[in-house]
Amino acid sequence: MIKDSLGLCDWVFPAVRRTFPDRDTMVAAMRDEPDSVVGDPGAEAALYLACTGIDLPIEEMQRPVAERVVTLERCVEVTHFGRDRAQDEVVIPHYQWTEKTDGTHLSADADEFRALLDRYYDLRGWDRESGAPTLETCAHLGLNGGLEGSPNG
């Protein structure tokens, strides 16, 4: 969320912290020495300071700032577009494809996906049944009234 909010590329950032003479050298380094490519995970805070003059530590950018943005975005989706848990579960069949469930990363068991979704909602402070941020979460993040007119607010 921080990268999106700052307009940074999340495909290569913070890899931009290391320069390369050309694309082939960069691709080779990413393949052969991936740890040497990754730059400073706190680079976003340094860029923000350089552009705005505001010294905001990366930890504060992550929580509560990015957390607030993600929750506000979810409030908008719930309130204005009817986003709910059922829509989040629509992707389950994608993860059940035979070629994707080789036992190393994914499972064909839809209940495992639902359990992960429960955990994600819990970590975000969202209601397990509806997928909407709870009023307590909104208040904690300074988003009072974030779900006005929604089923949860």
Protein backbone atom coordinates (compact mmCIF):
# COMPACT_ATOMS: atom_id res chain seq x y z
CA MET A 1 0.00 0.00 0.00
CA ILE A 2 2.88 2.35 0.76
CA LYS A 3 4.32 1.83 -2.71
CA ASP A 4 0.92 2.44 -4.33
CA SER A 5 0.39 5.59 -2.27
CA LEU A 6 3.79 6.98 -3.19
CA GLY A 7 3.54 6.03 -6.85
CA LEU A 8 6.45 3.56 -6.72
CA CYS A 9 6.78 0.43 -8.82
CA ASP A 10 6.18 -2.62 -6.66
CA TRP A 11 7.79 -4.94 -9.20
CA VAL A 12 11.32 -3.66 -8.76
CA PHE A 13 11.21 -1.38 -5.71
CA PRO A 14 13.29 -1.30 -3.53
CA ALA A 15 15.58 -2.99 -6.06
CA VAL A 16 15.99 0.49 -7.56
CA ARG A 17 18.40 1.13 -4.68
CA ARG A 18 21.09 -0.75 -6.65
CA THR A 19 21.93 0.43 -10.13
CA PHE A 20 22.95 -1.75 -13.05
CA PRO A 21 24.74 -0.85 -16.27
CA ASP A 22 22.02 -2.52 -18.35
CA ARG A 23 18.92 -4.70 -18.21
CA ASP A 24 20.77 -7.97 -18.86
CA THR A 25 23.05 -7.37 -15.87
CA MET A 26 20.04 -6.61 -13.68
CA VAL A 27 18.19 -9.75 -14.81
CA ALA A 28 21.28 -11.89 -14.21
CA ALA A 29 21.75 -10.44 -10.72
CA MET A 30 18.09 -11.03 -9.88
CA ARG A 31 18.45 -14.64 -11.02
CA ASP A 32 21.90 -15.45 -9.61
CA GLU A 33 22.21 -13.18 -6.55
CA PRO A 34 18.69 -12.14 -5.52
CA ASP A 35 19.80 -10.97 -2.07
CA SER A 36 22.27 -8.55 -3.63
CA VAL A 37 19.53 -6.79 -5.58
CA VAL A 38 17.17 -5.88 -2.75
CA GLY A 39 17.76 -2.46 -1.34
CA ASP A 40 16.65 -0.76 1.83
CA PRO A 41 13.10 -1.75 2.86
CA GLY A 42 12.85 1.67 4.54
CA ALA A 43 13.62 3.51 1.31
CA GLU A 44 10.01 4.65 1.01
CA ALA A 45 10.40 6.71 4.18
CA ALA A 46 13.61 8.28 2.84
CA LEU A 47 11.90 9.20 -0.43
CA TYR A 48 8.90 10.61 1.43
CA LEU A 49 11.22 12.76 3.56
CA ALA A 50 13.10 14.00 0.50
CA CYS A 51 9.88 14.94 -1.33
CA THR A 52 7.82 16.37 1.55
CA GLY A 53 10.26 17.32 4.28
CA ILE A 54 8.22 15.16 6.68
CA ASP A 55 10.28 12.64 8.64
CA LEU A 56 7.91 9.68 8.99
CA PRO A 57 9.54 6.39 10.08
CA ILE A 58 8.80 3.36 7.90
CA GLU A 59 7.18 1.62 10.88
CA GLU A 60 4.66 4.45 11.18
CA MET A 61 4.06 4.39 7.42
CA GLN A 62 3.17 0.72 7.73
CA ARG A 63 1.08 1.09 10.87
CA PRO A 64 -1.08 2.99 11.16
CA VAL A 65 -0.85 4.86 7.82
CA ALA A 66 -0.93 1.96 5.30
CA GLU A 67 -3.27 0.02 7.58
CA ARG A 68 -5.65 2.99 7.58
CA VAL A 69 -5.58 3.22 3.77
CA VAL A 70 -6.29 -0.51 3.32
CA THR A 71 -9.17 -0.35 5.79
CA LEU A 72 -10.61 2.82 4.25
CA GLU A 73 -10.45 1.22 0.81
CA ARG A 74 -12.32 -1.79 2.16
CA CYS A 75 -14.94 0.50 3.76
CA VAL A 76 -15.53 2.15 0.38
CA GLU A 77 -15.84 -1.24 -1.34
CA VAL A 78 -18.28 -2.52 1.31
CA THR A 79 -20.36 0.65 1.48
CA HIS A 80 -20.59 1.58 -2.18
CA PHE A 81 -20.03 -1.66 -4.06
CA GLY A 82 -21.40 -4.37 -1.77
CA ARG A 83 -18.04 -6.10 -1.26
CA ASP A 84 -18.40 -9.02 1.12
CA ARG A 85 -16.93 -12.36 2.09
CA ALA A 86 -18.77 -14.16 -0.71
CA GLN A 87 -16.93 -12.02 -3.26
CA ASP A 88 -13.61 -12.76 -1.55
CA GLU A 89 -14.35 -16.49 -1.81
CA VAL A 90 -15.10 -16.36 -5.55
CA VAL A 91 -11.40 -17.06 -6.23
CA ILE A 92 -11.40 -20.43 -4.44
CA PRO A 93 -11.84 -22.50 -7.64
CA HIS A 94 -8.72 -20.86 -9.08
CA TYR A 95 -6.68 -22.35 -6.24
CA GLN A 96 -8.22 -25.79 -6.72
CA TRP A 97 -6.79 -26.40 -10.18
CA THR A 98 -4.83 -29.65 -10.22
CA GLU A 99 -1.68 -28.05 -11.58
CA LYS A 100 -1.72 -25.53 -8.71
CA THR A 101 -2.21 -28.00 -5.88
CA ASP A 102 0.96 -30.06 -5.92
CA GLY A 103 1.15 -30.02 -2.13
CA THR A 104 3.97 -27.47 -1.90
CA HIS A 105 1.99 -24.25 -1.61
CA LEU A 106 -1.72 -24.64 -2.25
CA SER A 107 -4.44 -27.04 -1.31
CA ALA A 108 -7.53 -28.12 -3.20
CA ASP A 109 -9.42 -27.96 0.09
CA ALA A 110 -11.65 -24.87 0.01
CA ASP A 111 -11.90 -24.90 3.81
CA GLU A 112 -8.16 -24.22 4.07
CA PHE A 113 -8.66 -21.06 1.98
CA ARG A 114 -11.58 -20.04 4.17
CA ALA A 115 -9.46 -20.56 7.31
CA LEU A 116 -6.77 -18.32 5.83
CA LEU A 117 -9.41 -15.74 5.02
CA ASP A 118 -10.60 -15.91 8.65
CA ARG A 119 -7.04 -15.30 9.80
CA TYR A 120 -6.60 -12.41 7.37
CA TYR A 121 -9.85 -10.80 8.55
CA ASP A 122 -8.78 -11.24 12.18
CA LEU A 123 -5.40 -9.61 11.51
CA ARG A 124 -7.09 -6.70 9.71
CA GLY A 125 -9.83 -6.29 12.33
CA TRP A 126 -12.58 -7.19 9.89
CA ASP A 127 -15.73 -9.17 10.63
CA ARG A 128 -15.36 -12.85 9.70
CA GLU A 129 -18.95 -13.22 8.49
CA SER A 130 -19.26 -10.12 6.33
CA GLY A 131 -15.65 -9.24 5.54
CA ALA A 132 -16.33 -5.64 6.57
CA PRO A 133 -14.03 -3.70 8.90
CA THR A 134 -15.49 -3.63 12.39
CA LEU A 135 -16.61 -0.35 13.89
CA GLU A 136 -13.92 -0.80 16.56
CA THR A 137 -11.21 -1.10 13.88
CA CYS A 138 -12.50 1.98 12.07
CA ALA A 139 -12.54 3.97 15.32
CA HIS A 140 -9.04 2.78 16.26
CA LEU A 141 -7.72 3.98 12.89
CA GLY A 142 -9.54 7.31 13.07
CA LEU A 143 -12.10 6.29 10.45
CA ASN A 144 -15.18 6.99 12.54
CA GLY A 145 -18.25 6.64 10.38
CA GLY A 146 -16.26 4.76 7.76
CA LEU A 147 -19.10 2.30 7.24
CA GLU A 148 -22.08 4.60 7.41
CA GLY A 149 -24.91 3.16 5.39
CA SER A 150 -23.26 -0.25 5.14
CA PRO A 151 -24.66 -3.47 6.61
CA ASN A 152 -22.15 -3.19 9.52
CA GLY A 153 -22.47 0.48 10.24
